Amino acid sequence: MDDMFSLDGKLALVTGSSAGIGFVLAKALGSAGAAVLVNGRRRTPVHEAVERLQGVGITAYPLCFDVTDASAVGEAVRVAESEHGPIDILVNNAGVQRRAPFLEFTDDDWDLLVDTNLTGPFIVSRAVARSMAERGSGKIIMVCSVQSELARPSIAPYSATKGGLKMLIKGMCADLGPLGIQVNGLGPGYFDTELTKALVDDAEFSAWVAERTPAGRWGQVDELAGTVIFLSSRASDFINGQIIYVDGGMLATI
């Protein structure tokens, strides 16, 4: 059974993995045996994250690029595969959030969200999937959100991008499934990270999260590890086009 979840000998690229959920996902894949390509736009945080992973015995390499720059993505993937071998696992985690009432939302913020949260995963997936298709195998995981299904005030554009990812997963499954590639999503609920610290520290909002979530609390980032390992491993070979929500039961209730 352990062999079904082992990632020994695999190479994983996790976008936006120098901090937050992306770093935790990279660490989880590394702990299951994969070598990890750590990605971000800024060199210093990426190299610091690589050192932290190497410090706990994980094989990790830096790979700096902007997910919205198609030429940079293509070159980075080419270099990474020439130096480290084929990318077996891609986790599209890089994303941004902007909040404002709908009538006040700016064009620039809309473009930033769509470019990073939706166009980015499309660009990176296309680049990585080309060599996966040649080999007849690969795992692509989109980091979605409960906002792939639900909306809240002030985040309509963010919800639109995460809902778009849901359908991109299905469309990629239709195209890439016959080529031996599984495309699935990991949908976190409300998790306590450095990026959500302001919300966690907001007593009123945290009370809402506890009341709205059957588990009665925020998620802890380590609780995402098992799902990303499962979706990256041989254990999920017949799962395709799906999103697994890790949300403490939020989507199950009204």
C-alpha atoms as a PDB file:
ATOM      1  CA  MET A   1       0.000   0.000   0.000  1.00  0.00           C
ATOM      2  CA  ASP A   2       2.857   2.382   0.768  1.00  0.00           C
ATOM      3  CA  ASP A   3       4.045   2.022  -2.835  1.00  0.00           C
ATOM      4  CA  MET A   4       0.740   3.410  -4.106  1.00  0.00           C
ATOM      5  CA  PHE A   5       1.415   6.734  -2.348  1.00  0.00           C
ATOM      6  CA  SER A   6       5.172   6.836  -2.859  1.00  0.00           C
ATOM      7  CA  LEU A   7       6.572   9.609  -5.046  1.00  0.00           C
ATOM      8  CA  ASP A   8      10.116   8.235  -5.092  1.00  0.00           C
ATOM      9  CA  GLY A   9      11.873   9.146  -8.330  1.00  0.00           C
ATOM     10  CA  LYS A  10       9.289  11.767  -9.309  1.00  0.00           C
ATOM     11  CA  LEU A  11       9.932  15.436 -10.053  1.00  0.00           C
ATOM     12  CA  ALA A  12       7.281  17.956  -8.992  1.00  0.00           C
ATOM     13  CA  LEU A  13       6.877  21.620  -9.914  1.00  0.00           C
ATOM     14  CA  VAL A  14       4.811  23.687  -7.468  1.00  0.00           C
ATOM     15  CA  THR A  15       4.140  27.251  -8.604  1.00  0.00           C
ATOM     16  CA  GLY A  16       4.082  29.974  -5.986  1.00  0.00           C
ATOM     17  CA  SER A  17       5.831  27.695  -3.510  1.00  0.00           C
ATOM     18  CA  SER A  18       8.256  30.003  -1.725  1.00  0.00           C
ATOM     19  CA  ALA A  19       5.711  30.606   1.075  1.00  0.00           C
ATOM     20  CA  GLY A  20       2.201  29.859   2.313  1.00  0.00           C
ATOM     21  CA  ILE A  21       0.181  26.907   1.074  1.00  0.00           C
ATOM     22  CA  GLY A  22       2.519  26.403  -1.884  1.00  0.00           C
ATOM     23  CA  PHE A  23       5.496  25.809   0.397  1.00  0.00           C
ATOM     24  CA  VAL A  24       3.496  23.332   2.486  1.00  0.00           C
ATOM     25  CA  LEU A  25       2.457  21.432  -0.648  1.00  0.00           C
ATOM     26  CA  ALA A  26       6.046  21.345  -1.898  1.00  0.00           C
ATOM     27  CA  LYS A  27       7.205  20.035   1.490  1.00  0.00           C
ATOM     28  CA  ALA A  28       4.483  17.367   1.466  1.00  0.00           C
ATOM     29  CA  LEU A  29       5.484  16.110  -1.978  1.00  0.00           C
ATOM     30  CA  GLY A  30       9.127  16.102  -0.944  1.00  0.00           C
ATOM     31  CA  SER A  31       8.315  14.150   2.204  1.00  0.00           C
ATOM     32  CA  ALA A  32       6.690  11.478   0.013  1.00  0.00           C
ATOM     33  CA  GLY A  33       9.903  11.121  -1.986  1.00  0.00           C
ATOM     34  CA  ALA A  34       9.606  13.596  -4.857  1.00  0.00           C
ATOM     35  CA  ALA A  35      12.276  16.073  -5.852  1.00  0.00           C
ATOM     36  CA  VAL A  36      10.702  19.523  -5.879  1.00  0.00           C
ATOM     37  CA  LEU A  37      11.066  22.552  -8.138  1.00  0.00           C
ATOM     38  CA  VAL A  38      10.315  25.616  -6.011  1.00  0.00           C
ATOM     39  CA  ASN A  39       8.841  28.496  -7.997  1.00  0.00           C
ATOM     40  CA  GLY A  40       8.253  32.180  -7.482  1.00  0.00           C
ATOM     41  CA  ARG A  41       9.020  35.459  -9.215  1.00  0.00           C
ATOM     42  CA  ARG A  42      11.615  36.700  -6.713  1.00  0.00           C
ATOM     43  CA  ARG A  43      14.967  34.981  -6.449  1.00  0.00           C
ATOM     44  CA  THR A  44      15.673  35.496  -2.729  1.00  0.00           C
ATOM     45  CA  PRO A  45      12.451  33.974  -1.298  1.00  0.00           C
ATOM     46  CA  VAL A  46      12.696  31.047  -3.718  1.00  0.00           C
ATOM     47  CA  HIS A  47      16.275  30.239  -2.721  1.00  0.00           C
ATOM     48  CA  GLU A  48      15.416  30.606   0.970  1.00  0.00           C
ATOM     49  CA  ALA A  49      12.539  28.139   0.535  1.00  0.00           C
ATOM     50  CA  VAL A  50      14.849  25.694  -1.245  1.00  0.00           C
ATOM     51  CA  GLU A  51      17.301  25.886   1.652  1.00  0.00           C
ATOM     52  CA  ARG A  52      14.509  25.227   4.172  1.00  0.00           C
ATOM     53  CA  LEU A  53      13.410  22.129   2.252  1.00  0.00           C
ATOM     54  CA  GLN A  54      16.964  20.881   1.839  1.00  0.00           C
ATOM     55  CA  GLY A  55      17.428  21.384   5.585  1.00  0.00           C
ATOM     56  CA  VAL A  56      14.838  18.673   6.280  1.00  0.00           C
ATOM     57  CA  GLY A  57      16.307  16.255   3.745  1.00  0.00           C
ATOM     58  CA  ILE A  58      14.155  17.103   0.700  1.00  0.00           C
ATOM     59  CA  THR A  59      15.729  17.367  -2.751  1.00  0.00           C
ATOM     60  CA  ALA A  60      14.741  20.824  -3.994  1.00  0.00           C
ATOM     61  CA  TYR A  61      15.771  23.156  -6.800  1.00  0.00           C
ATOM     62  CA  PRO A  62      14.941  26.812  -7.509  1.00  0.00           C
ATOM     63  CA  LEU A  63      12.960  27.729 -10.632  1.00  0.00           C
ATOM     64  CA  CYS A  64      12.128  31.425 -10.887  1.00  0.00           C
ATOM     65  CA  PHE A  65       9.569  32.634 -13.412  1.00  0.00           C
ATOM     66  CA  ASP A  66       6.332  34.614 -13.684  1.00  0.00           C
ATOM     67  CA  VAL A  67       3.421  32.261 -14.407  1.00  0.00           C
ATOM     68  CA  THR A  68       1.779  34.917 -16.605  1.00  0.00           C
ATOM     69  CA  ASP A  69       4.770  35.191 -18.980  1.00  0.00           C
ATOM     70  CA  ALA A  70       4.391  32.441 -21.576  1.00  0.00           C
ATOM     71  CA  SER A  71       7.892  32.759 -23.016  1.00  0.00           C
ATOM     72  CA  ALA A  72       9.502  32.725 -19.551  1.00  0.00           C
ATOM     73  CA  VAL A  73       7.420  29.691 -18.558  1.00  0.00           C
ATOM     74  CA  GLY A  74       8.401  27.783 -21.678  1.00  0.00           C
ATOM     75  CA  GLU A  75      12.096  28.513 -21.200  1.00  0.00           C
ATOM     76  CA  ALA A  76      12.012  27.639 -17.483  1.00  0.00           C
ATOM     77  CA  VAL A  77      10.311  24.306 -18.138  1.00  0.00           C
ATOM     78  CA  ARG A  78      12.806  23.523 -20.910  1.00  0.00           C
ATOM     79  CA  VAL A  79      15.790  24.302 -18.657  1.00  0.00           C
ATOM     80  CA  ALA A  80      14.345  22.430 -15.669  1.00  0.00           C
ATOM     81  CA  GLU A  81      13.705  19.272 -17.675  1.00  0.00           C
ATOM     82  CA  SER A  82      17.106  19.393 -19.330  1.00  0.00           C
ATOM     83  CA  GLU A  83      18.833  19.734 -15.940  1.00  0.00           C
ATOM     84  CA  HIS A  84      16.662  17.629 -13.650  1.00  0.00           C
ATOM     85  CA  GLY A  85      14.622  15.319 -15.876  1.00  0.00           C
ATOM     86  CA  PRO A  86      10.944  15.174 -16.815  1.00  0.00           C
ATOM     87  CA  ILE A  87       8.358  16.919 -14.662  1.00  0.00           C
ATOM     88  CA  ASP A  88       5.973  14.213 -13.454  1.00  0.00           C
ATOM     89  CA  ILE A  89       3.776  16.366 -11.196  1.00  0.00           C
ATOM     90  CA  LEU A  90       2.600  19.947 -11.641  1.00  0.00           C
ATOM     91  CA  VAL A  91       0.781  21.802  -8.863  1.00  0.00           C
ATOM     92  CA  ASN A  92      -0.637  25.122 -10.054  1.00  0.00           C
ATOM     93  CA  ASN A  93      -0.735  27.006  -6.775  1.00  0.00           C
ATOM     94  CA  ALA A  94       0.340  30.574  -7.629  1.00  0.00           C
ATOM     95  CA  GLY A  95      -2.509  33.010  -7.060  1.00  0.00           C
ATOM     96  CA  VAL A  96      -3.485  36.437  -5.801  1.00  0.00           C
ATOM     97  CA  GLN A  97      -6.478  37.982  -4.063  1.00  0.00           C
ATOM     98  CA  ARG A  98      -7.960  41.467  -4.232  1.00  0.00           C
ATOM     99  CA  ARG A  99     -11.037  42.604  -2.318  1.00  0.00           C
ATOM    100  CA  ALA A 100     -13.415  45.451  -3.166  1.00  0.00           C
ATOM    101  CA  PRO A 101     -17.144  45.965  -3.650  1.00  0.00           C
ATOM    102  CA  PHE A 102     -18.098  44.952  -7.189  1.00  0.00           C
ATOM    103  CA  LEU A 103     -19.004  48.488  -8.280  1.00  0.00           C
ATOM    104  CA  GLU A 104     -15.618  49.756  -7.125  1.00  0.00           C
ATOM    105  CA  PHE A 105     -13.455  46.945  -8.522  1.00  0.00           C
ATOM    106  CA  THR A 106     -10.805  48.307 -10.887  1.00  0.00           C
ATOM    107  CA  ASP A 107      -9.902  47.004 -14.333  1.00  0.00           C
ATOM    108  CA  ASP A 108      -6.282  46.606 -13.247  1.00  0.00           C
ATOM    109  CA  ASP A 109      -7.202  44.369 -10.312  1.00  0.00           C
ATOM    110  CA  TRP A 110      -9.536  42.310 -12.512  1.00  0.00           C
ATOM    111  CA  ASP A 111      -6.736  41.797 -15.041  1.00  0.00           C
ATOM    112  CA  LEU A 112      -4.266  40.841 -12.292  1.00  0.00           C
ATOM    113  CA  LEU A 113      -6.615  38.209 -10.872  1.00  0.00           C
ATOM    114  CA  VAL A 114      -7.510  36.680 -14.227  1.00  0.00           C
ATOM    115  CA  ASP A 115      -3.918  36.704 -15.487  1.00  0.00           C
ATOM    116  CA  THR A 116      -2.466  35.118 -12.337  1.00  0.00           C
ATOM    117  CA  ASN A 117      -5.235  32.805 -11.143  1.00  0.00           C
ATOM    118  CA  LEU A 118      -6.571  31.519 -14.474  1.00  0.00           C
ATOM    119  CA  THR A 119      -4.294  32.363 -17.397  1.00  0.00           C
ATOM    120  CA  GLY A 120      -1.202  31.382 -15.389  1.00  0.00           C
ATOM    121  CA  PRO A 121      -2.346  27.805 -14.732  1.00  0.00           C
ATOM    122  CA  PHE A 122      -3.319  27.475 -18.392  1.00  0.00           C
ATOM    123  CA  ILE A 123       0.112  28.648 -19.581  1.00  0.00           C
ATOM    124  CA  VAL A 124       2.119  26.509 -17.158  1.00  0.00           C
ATOM    125  CA  SER A 125      -0.050  23.425 -17.680  1.00  0.00           C
ATOM    126  CA  ARG A 126       0.267  23.684 -21.467  1.00  0.00           C
ATOM    127  CA  ALA A 127       4.060  23.925 -21.246  1.00  0.00           C
ATOM    128  CA  VAL A 128       4.449  21.006 -18.832  1.00  0.00           C
ATOM    129  CA  ALA A 129       1.773  18.796 -20.410  1.00  0.00           C
ATOM    130  CA  ARG A 130       3.535  18.696 -23.762  1.00  0.00           C
ATOM    131  CA  SER A 131       6.323  16.464 -22.452  1.00  0.00           C
ATOM    132  CA  MET A 132       3.886  14.564 -20.214  1.00  0.00           C
ATOM    133  CA  ALA A 133       1.866  13.707 -23.325  1.00  0.00           C
ATOM    134  CA  GLU A 134       4.975  12.411 -25.092  1.00  0.00           C
ATOM    135  CA  ARG A 135       5.639  10.069 -22.145  1.00  0.00           C
ATOM    136  CA  GLY A 136       1.983   9.072 -21.711  1.00  0.00           C
ATOM    137  CA  SER A 137       1.791   9.980 -18.030  1.00  0.00           C
ATOM    138  CA  GLY A 138       1.570  12.924 -15.657  1.00  0.00           C
ATOM    139  CA  LYS A 139      -0.335  14.526 -12.806  1.00  0.00           C
ATOM    140  CA  ILE A 140      -1.611  18.108 -12.920  1.00  0.00           C
ATOM    141  CA  ILE A 141      -3.240  19.569  -9.820  1.00  0.00           C
ATOM    142  CA  MET A 142      -4.993  22.929  -9.682  1.00  0.00           C
ATOM    143  CA  VAL A 143      -5.274  24.652  -6.313  1.00  0.00           C
ATOM    144  CA  CYS A 144      -8.885  25.753  -6.354  1.00  0.00           C
ATOM    145  CA  SER A 145     -10.983  27.036  -3.439  1.00  0.00           C
ATOM    146  CA  VAL A 146     -14.402  26.775  -1.873  1.00  0.00           C
ATOM    147  CA  GLN A 147     -14.872  29.923  -3.986  1.00  0.00           C
ATOM    148  CA  SER A 148     -14.906  27.589  -6.992  1.00  0.00           C
ATOM    149  CA  GLU A 149     -18.443  26.841  -5.752  1.00  0.00           C
ATOM    150  CA  LEU A 150     -19.457  29.730  -3.487  1.00  0.00           C
ATOM    151  CA  ALA A 151     -19.189  33.514  -3.462  1.00  0.00           C
ATOM    152  CA  ARG A 152     -18.873  36.161  -0.781  1.00  0.00           C
ATOM    153  CA  PRO A 153     -19.224  39.937  -0.939  1.00  0.00           C
ATOM    154  CA  SER A 154     -16.178  41.840  -2.260  1.00  0.00           C
ATOM    155  CA  ILE A 155     -14.481  38.906  -4.051  1.00  0.00           C
ATOM    156  CA  ALA A 156     -16.598  38.379  -7.191  1.00  0.00           C
ATOM    157  CA  PRO A 157     -13.599  38.453  -9.587  1.00  0.00           C
ATOM    158  CA  TYR A 158     -11.616  36.028  -7.407  1.00  0.00           C
ATOM    159  CA  SER A 159     -14.592  33.656  -7.349  1.00  0.00           C
ATOM    160  CA  ALA A 160     -14.826  33.956 -11.134  1.00  0.00           C
ATOM    161  CA  THR A 161     -11.199  32.882 -11.539  1.00  0.00           C
ATOM    162  CA  LYS A 162     -11.561  29.927  -9.186  1.00  0.00           C
ATOM    163  CA  GLY A 163     -14.799  28.904 -10.887  1.00  0.00           C
ATOM    164  CA  GLY A 164     -12.948  29.134 -14.196  1.00  0.00           C
ATOM    165  CA  LEU A 165     -10.294  26.776 -12.866  1.00  0.00           C
ATOM    166  CA  LYS A 166     -13.017  24.247 -12.121  1.00  0.00           C
ATOM    167  CA  MET A 167     -14.040  24.153 -15.775  1.00  0.00           C
ATOM    168  CA  LEU A 168     -10.439  24.294 -17.004  1.00  0.00           C
ATOM    169  CA  ILE A 169      -9.850  21.095 -15.034  1.00  0.00           C
ATOM    170  CA  LYS A 170     -12.761  19.398 -16.781  1.00  0.00           C
ATOM    171  CA  GLY A 171     -11.714  20.607 -20.220  1.00  0.00           C
ATOM    172  CA  MET A 172      -8.114  19.531 -19.705  1.00  0.00           C
ATOM    173  CA  CYS A 173      -9.329  16.147 -18.482  1.00  0.00           C
ATOM    174  CA  ALA A 174     -11.246  15.705 -21.742  1.00  0.00           C
ATOM    175  CA  ASP A 175      -8.187  16.597 -23.831  1.00  0.00           C
ATOM    176  CA  LEU A 176      -5.382  15.096 -21.766  1.00  0.00           C
ATOM    177  CA  GLY A 177      -7.026  12.062 -20.170  1.00  0.00           C
ATOM    178  CA  PRO A 178      -6.647   9.988 -23.358  1.00  0.00           C
ATOM    179  CA  LEU A 179      -2.935  10.857 -23.279  1.00  0.00           C
ATOM    180  CA  GLY A 180      -2.442   9.327 -19.829  1.00  0.00           C
ATOM    181  CA  ILE A 181      -2.548  12.565 -17.825  1.00  0.00           C
ATOM    182  CA  GLN A 182      -4.753  13.095 -14.764  1.00  0.00           C
ATOM    183  CA  VAL A 183      -5.935  16.664 -14.097  1.00  0.00           C
ATOM    184  CA  ASN A 184      -7.612  17.290 -10.753  1.00  0.00           C
ATOM    185  CA  GLY A 185      -8.129  20.035  -8.205  1.00  0.00           C
ATOM    186  CA  LEU A 186      -7.406  20.573  -4.523  1.00  0.00           C
ATOM    187  CA  GLY A 187      -9.980  22.918  -3.002  1.00  0.00           C
ATOM    188  CA  PRO A 188      -8.988  24.379   0.372  1.00  0.00           C
ATOM    189  CA  GLY A 189     -11.533  25.964   2.650  1.00  0.00           C
ATOM    190  CA  TYR A 190     -10.439  28.626   5.136  1.00  0.00           C
ATOM    191  CA  PHE A 191      -6.863  27.923   6.234  1.00  0.00           C
ATOM    192  CA  ASP A 192      -4.667  29.655   8.770  1.00  0.00           C
ATOM    193  CA  THR A 193      -1.591  30.881   6.853  1.00  0.00           C
ATOM    194  CA  GLU A 194       0.642  33.941   6.896  1.00  0.00           C
ATOM    195  CA  LEU A 195      -1.411  35.245   3.971  1.00  0.00           C
ATOM    196  CA  THR A 196      -4.699  35.011   5.904  1.00  0.00           C
ATOM    197  CA  LYS A 197      -3.308  36.293   9.201  1.00  0.00           C
ATOM    198  CA  ALA A 198      -5.393  39.486   9.103  1.00  0.00           C
ATOM    199  CA  LEU A 199      -8.583  37.443   8.726  1.00  0.00           C
ATOM    200  CA  VAL A 200      -7.546  34.946  11.408  1.00  0.00           C
ATOM    201  CA  ASP A 201      -6.871  37.846  13.781  1.00  0.00           C
ATOM    202  CA  ASP A 202     -10.268  39.388  13.016  1.00  0.00           C
ATOM    203  CA  ALA A 203     -12.390  38.007  15.851  1.00  0.00           C
ATOM    204  CA  GLU A 204     -15.679  38.591  14.039  1.00  0.00           C
ATOM    205  CA  PHE A 205     -14.509  36.879  10.846  1.00  0.00           C
ATOM    206  CA  SER A 206     -12.960  33.964  12.719  1.00  0.00           C
ATOM    207  CA  ALA A 207     -16.226  33.501  14.591  1.00  0.00           C
ATOM    208  CA  TRP A 208     -18.040  33.374  11.238  1.00  0.00           C
ATOM    209  CA  VAL A 209     -15.585  30.737   9.940  1.00  0.00           C
ATOM    210  CA  ALA A 210     -16.075  28.613  13.060  1.00  0.00           C
ATOM    211  CA  GLU A 211     -19.853  28.876  12.833  1.00  0.00           C
ATOM    212  CA  ARG A 212     -20.001  28.240   9.072  1.00  0.00           C
ATOM    213  CA  THR A 213     -17.628  25.239   9.157  1.00  0.00           C
ATOM    214  CA  PRO A 214     -18.904  21.979  10.696  1.00  0.00           C
ATOM    215  CA  ALA A 215     -15.385  21.326  12.000  1.00  0.00           C
ATOM    216  CA  GLY A 216     -15.768  24.560  13.965  1.00  0.00           C
ATOM    217  CA  ARG A 217     -12.336  26.022  13.170  1.00  0.00           C
ATOM    218  CA  TRP A 218      -9.854  27.223  10.591  1.00  0.00           C
ATOM    219  CA  GLY A 219      -7.915  24.541   8.714  1.00  0.00           C
ATOM    220  CA  GLN A 220      -4.242  23.986   9.486  1.00  0.00           C
ATOM    221  CA  VAL A 221      -2.044  23.903   6.394  1.00  0.00           C
ATOM    222  CA  ASP A 222      -0.536  20.491   7.175  1.00  0.00           C
ATOM    223  CA  GLU A 223      -4.036  19.087   6.688  1.00  0.00           C
ATOM    224  CA  LEU A 224      -3.623  19.632   2.931  1.00  0.00           C
ATOM    225  CA  ALA A 225      -0.614  17.327   2.711  1.00  0.00           C
ATOM    226  CA  GLY A 226      -2.421  14.005   2.412  1.00  0.00           C
ATOM    227  CA  THR A 227      -4.681  15.135  -0.420  1.00  0.00           C
ATOM    228  CA  VAL A 228      -1.910  16.572  -2.586  1.00  0.00           C
ATOM    229  CA  ILE A 229       0.158  13.396  -2.099  1.00  0.00           C
ATOM    230  CA  PHE A 230      -2.857  11.263  -3.038  1.00  0.00           C
ATOM    231  CA  LEU A 231      -3.585  13.280  -6.196  1.00  0.00           C
ATOM    232  CA  SER A 232       0.090  13.111  -7.180  1.00  0.00           C
ATOM    233  CA  SER A 233       0.477   9.381  -6.630  1.00  0.00           C
ATOM    234  CA  ARG A 234      -0.410   6.135  -8.367  1.00  0.00           C
ATOM    235  CA  ALA A 235      -3.319   5.783  -5.917  1.00  0.00           C
ATOM    236  CA  SER A 236      -5.307   8.367  -7.937  1.00  0.00           C
ATOM    237  CA  ASP A 237      -4.633   6.993 -11.436  1.00  0.00           C
ATOM    238  CA  PHE A 238      -8.354   6.505 -12.207  1.00  0.00           C
ATOM    239  CA  ILE A 239      -9.462   9.869 -10.806  1.00  0.00           C
ATOM    240  CA  ASN A 240      -9.671  12.605 -13.406  1.00  0.00           C
ATOM    241  CA  GLY A 241     -11.484  15.922 -13.793  1.00  0.00           C
ATOM    242  CA  GLN A 242     -12.410  16.167 -10.099  1.00  0.00           C
ATOM    243  CA  ILE A 243     -11.911  18.626  -7.247  1.00  0.00           C
ATOM    244  CA  ILE A 244     -11.353  17.293  -3.739  1.00  0.00           C
ATOM    245  CA  TYR A 245     -12.417  19.924  -1.206  1.00  0.00           C
ATOM    246  CA  VAL A 246     -10.550  20.062   2.086  1.00  0.00           C
ATOM    247  CA  ASP A 247     -12.855  22.458   3.895  1.00  0.00           C
ATOM    248  CA  GLY A 248     -13.953  20.975   7.225  1.00  0.00           C
ATOM    249  CA  GLY A 249     -17.389  20.330   5.716  1.00  0.00           C
ATOM    250  CA  MET A 250     -18.202  23.909   4.673  1.00  0.00           C
ATOM    251  CA  LEU A 251     -19.563  23.006   1.233  1.00  0.00           C
ATOM    252  CA  ALA A 252     -21.703  20.212   2.676  1.00  0.00           C
ATOM    253  CA  THR A 253     -23.895  22.541   4.736  1.00  0.00           C
ATOM    254  CA  ILE A 254     -26.101  25.600   4.439  1.00  0.00           C
END
